[in-house]
Amino acid sequence: MNKLRRYQLILELYHRHKTEDIADAVVLRKYIYPVYPISRTTLWTILTTPVNKELRELETQINQQQQLFS
């Protein structure tokens, strides 16, 4: 869950600075890397991960588990 939340923060930072004329590598180098030191491969993994969907599924599973003990 923490990894997905970190991915979400990185995606927000990426989308805030990404425009059509700025390459992904430049966004990574100027804006993301100083805050989150990750590689281009990791950035690509983050960009292709359906973060919101996985977070919703995980929260649903947690809620179901909590209901078992209520």
N, C-alpha and C. Protein backbone atom coordinates (compact mmCIF):
# COMPACT_ATOMS: atom_id res chain seq x y z
N MET A 1 0.82 -1.19 0.00
CA MET A 1 0.00 0.00 0.00
C MET A 1 0.88 1.26 0.00
N ASN A 2 1.95 1.23 0.79
CA ASN A 2 2.83 2.39 0.83
C ASN A 2 3.50 2.63 -0.52
N LYS A 3 3.84 1.55 -1.20
CA LYS A 3 4.45 1.68 -2.52
C LYS A 3 3.48 2.33 -3.49
N LEU A 4 2.23 1.93 -3.45
CA LEU A 4 1.24 2.51 -4.34
C LEU A 4 0.99 3.98 -4.01
N ARG A 5 1.01 4.32 -2.75
CA ARG A 5 0.85 5.74 -2.37
C ARG A 5 2.03 6.57 -2.86
N ARG A 6 3.24 6.01 -2.77
CA ARG A 6 4.41 6.72 -3.28
C ARG A 6 4.31 6.86 -4.80
N TYR A 7 3.85 5.81 -5.47
CA TYR A 7 3.64 5.88 -6.91
C TYR A 7 2.66 7.00 -7.25
N GLN A 8 1.62 7.12 -6.47
CA GLN A 8 0.61 8.14 -6.70
C GLN A 8 1.22 9.55 -6.57
N LEU A 9 2.07 9.75 -5.58
CA LEU A 9 2.74 11.04 -5.40
C LEU A 9 3.66 11.35 -6.58
N ILE A 10 4.38 10.33 -7.04
CA ILE A 10 5.28 10.53 -8.18
C ILE A 10 4.47 10.85 -9.43
N LEU A 11 3.35 10.17 -9.63
CA LEU A 11 2.50 10.46 -10.78
C LEU A 11 1.95 11.88 -10.75
N GLU A 12 1.56 12.36 -9.58
CA GLU A 12 1.07 13.73 -9.46
C GLU A 12 2.16 14.72 -9.84
N LEU A 13 3.38 14.47 -9.37
CA LEU A 13 4.50 15.34 -9.70
C LEU A 13 4.79 15.28 -11.20
N TYR A 14 4.73 14.10 -11.78
CA TYR A 14 4.98 13.92 -13.21
C TYR A 14 3.94 14.69 -14.03
N HIS A 15 2.67 14.52 -13.72
CA HIS A 15 1.61 15.17 -14.48
C HIS A 15 1.60 16.69 -14.30
N ARG A 16 2.09 17.16 -13.18
CA ARG A 16 2.15 18.60 -12.94
C ARG A 16 3.16 19.27 -13.87
N HIS A 17 4.25 18.58 -14.20
CA HIS A 17 5.33 19.19 -14.98
C HIS A 17 5.41 18.70 -16.41
N LYS A 18 4.71 17.65 -16.77
CA LYS A 18 4.80 17.08 -18.11
C LYS A 18 3.95 17.86 -19.10
N THR A 19 4.59 18.28 -20.19
CA THR A 19 3.89 18.88 -21.32
C THR A 19 4.34 18.15 -22.57
N GLU A 20 3.72 18.47 -23.70
CA GLU A 20 4.05 17.77 -24.93
C GLU A 20 5.49 18.00 -25.37
N ASP A 21 6.03 19.18 -25.12
CA ASP A 21 7.37 19.50 -25.61
C ASP A 21 8.48 19.12 -24.62
N ILE A 22 8.14 18.60 -23.46
CA ILE A 22 9.15 18.18 -22.48
C ILE A 22 9.20 16.66 -22.45
N ALA A 23 10.37 16.11 -22.64
CA ALA A 23 10.53 14.65 -22.64
C ALA A 23 10.42 14.09 -21.22
N ASP A 24 10.08 12.80 -21.15
CA ASP A 24 9.96 12.14 -19.86
C ASP A 24 11.27 12.19 -19.08
N ALA A 25 12.39 12.01 -19.77
CA ALA A 25 13.69 12.01 -19.12
C ALA A 25 13.99 13.37 -18.48
N VAL A 26 13.56 14.44 -19.12
CA VAL A 26 13.79 15.78 -18.57
C VAL A 26 12.93 15.99 -17.33
N VAL A 27 11.69 15.56 -17.38
CA VAL A 27 10.81 15.68 -16.21
C VAL A 27 11.39 14.88 -15.05
N LEU A 28 11.88 13.69 -15.35
CA LEU A 28 12.50 12.88 -14.31
C LEU A 28 13.71 13.57 -13.71
N ARG A 29 14.59 14.05 -14.56
CA ARG A 29 15.84 14.65 -14.09
C ARG A 29 15.63 15.95 -13.32
N LYS A 30 14.75 16.82 -13.82
CA LYS A 30 14.58 18.14 -13.20
C LYS A 30 13.65 18.15 -12.00
N TYR A 31 12.58 17.36 -12.05
CA TYR A 31 11.53 17.51 -11.05
C TYR A 31 11.35 16.30 -10.13
N ILE A 32 11.45 15.11 -10.68
CA ILE A 32 11.15 13.92 -9.87
C ILE A 32 12.39 13.43 -9.12
N TYR A 33 13.51 13.32 -9.82
CA TYR A 33 14.71 12.73 -9.21
C TYR A 33 15.18 13.47 -7.95
N PRO A 34 15.15 14.80 -7.90
CA PRO A 34 15.58 15.47 -6.65
C PRO A 34 14.72 15.10 -5.43
N VAL A 35 13.46 14.75 -5.65
CA VAL A 35 12.57 14.41 -4.54
C VAL A 35 12.53 12.90 -4.32
N TYR A 36 12.39 12.16 -5.41
CA TYR A 36 12.32 10.69 -5.37
C TYR A 36 13.42 10.15 -6.28
N PRO A 37 14.56 9.75 -5.75
CA PRO A 37 15.65 9.26 -6.61
C PRO A 37 15.34 7.89 -7.21
N ILE A 38 14.73 7.91 -8.39
CA ILE A 38 14.36 6.68 -9.09
C ILE A 38 14.98 6.70 -10.49
N SER A 39 15.05 5.53 -11.11
CA SER A 39 15.59 5.42 -12.45
C SER A 39 14.49 5.61 -13.49
N ARG A 40 14.91 5.71 -14.76
CA ARG A 40 13.93 5.82 -15.84
C ARG A 40 13.07 4.57 -15.94
N THR A 41 13.69 3.41 -15.69
CA THR A 41 12.94 2.15 -15.72
C THR A 41 11.85 2.14 -14.66
N THR A 42 12.18 2.61 -13.48
CA THR A 42 11.18 2.67 -12.40
C THR A 42 10.08 3.66 -12.75
N LEU A 43 10.45 4.80 -13.35
CA LEU A 43 9.43 5.76 -13.76
C LEU A 43 8.49 5.13 -14.78
N TRP A 44 9.03 4.39 -15.73
CA TRP A 44 8.19 3.74 -16.73
C TRP A 44 7.25 2.73 -16.06
N THR A 45 7.77 1.99 -15.09
CA THR A 45 6.92 1.04 -14.35
C THR A 45 5.79 1.76 -13.65
N ILE A 46 6.10 2.90 -13.05
CA ILE A 46 5.08 3.69 -12.34
C ILE A 46 4.03 4.21 -13.32
N LEU A 47 4.48 4.68 -14.49
CA LEU A 47 3.56 5.22 -15.48
C LEU A 47 2.62 4.16 -16.04
N THR A 48 3.06 2.91 -16.07
CA THR A 48 2.22 1.85 -16.62
C THR A 48 1.41 1.10 -15.57
N THR A 49 1.59 1.44 -14.30
CA THR A 49 0.86 0.79 -13.22
C THR A 49 -0.49 1.49 -13.00
N PRO A 50 -1.60 0.75 -12.98
CA PRO A 50 -2.90 1.36 -12.68
C PRO A 50 -3.03 1.60 -11.17
N VAL A 51 -2.43 2.66 -10.69
CA VAL A 51 -2.29 2.92 -9.26
C VAL A 51 -3.64 3.07 -8.57
N ASN A 52 -4.52 3.89 -9.12
CA ASN A 52 -5.81 4.13 -8.46
C ASN A 52 -6.63 2.86 -8.36
N LYS A 53 -6.63 2.06 -9.42
CA LYS A 53 -7.38 0.81 -9.42
C LYS A 53 -6.83 -0.15 -8.35
N GLU A 54 -5.52 -0.29 -8.28
CA GLU A 54 -4.92 -1.19 -7.31
C GLU A 54 -5.14 -0.70 -5.88
N LEU A 55 -5.10 0.60 -5.66
CA LEU A 55 -5.37 1.14 -4.32
C LEU A 55 -6.81 0.85 -3.90
N ARG A 56 -7.76 1.04 -4.82
CA ARG A 56 -9.17 0.74 -4.50
C ARG A 56 -9.35 -0.73 -4.15
N GLU A 57 -8.73 -1.61 -4.92
CA GLU A 57 -8.85 -3.05 -4.65
C GLU A 57 -8.25 -3.40 -3.29
N LEU A 58 -7.12 -2.81 -2.99
CA LEU A 58 -6.46 -3.07 -1.72
C LEU A 58 -7.29 -2.57 -0.55
N GLU A 59 -7.86 -1.39 -0.68
CA GLU A 59 -8.71 -0.84 0.38
C GLU A 59 -9.96 -1.69 0.56
N THR A 60 -10.51 -2.21 -0.53
CA THR A 60 -11.67 -3.09 -0.44
C THR A 60 -11.32 -4.36 0.33
N GLN A 61 -10.16 -4.92 0.04
CA GLN A 61 -9.72 -6.12 0.75
C GLN A 61 -9.52 -5.84 2.23
N ILE A 62 -8.94 -4.70 2.55
CA ILE A 62 -8.72 -4.34 3.96
C ILE A 62 -10.04 -4.18 4.69
N ASN A 63 -11.01 -3.52 4.04
CA ASN A 63 -12.33 -3.33 4.65
C ASN A 63 -13.03 -4.67 4.88
N GLN A 64 -12.90 -5.59 3.93
CA GLN A 64 -13.51 -6.90 4.09
C GLN A 64 -12.87 -7.66 5.25
N GLN A 65 -11.57 -7.55 5.38
CA GLN A 65 -10.89 -8.22 6.49
C GLN A 65 -11.28 -7.63 7.84
N GLN A 66 -11.45 -6.32 7.88
CA GLN A 66 -11.85 -5.66 9.12
C GLN A 66 -13.27 -6.06 9.52
N GLN A 67 -14.13 -6.28 8.55
CA GLN A 67 -15.50 -6.68 8.85
C GLN A 67 -15.56 -8.08 9.43
N LEU A 68 -14.59 -8.92 9.11
CA LEU A 68 -14.55 -10.26 9.67
C LEU A 68 -14.34 -10.23 11.19
N PHE A 69 -13.63 -9.23 11.66
CA PHE A 69 -13.31 -9.16 13.08
C PHE A 69 -14.24 -8.22 13.85
N SER A 70 -15.22 -7.68 13.18
CA SER A 70 -16.15 -6.77 13.85
C SER A 70 -17.29 -7.55 14.48
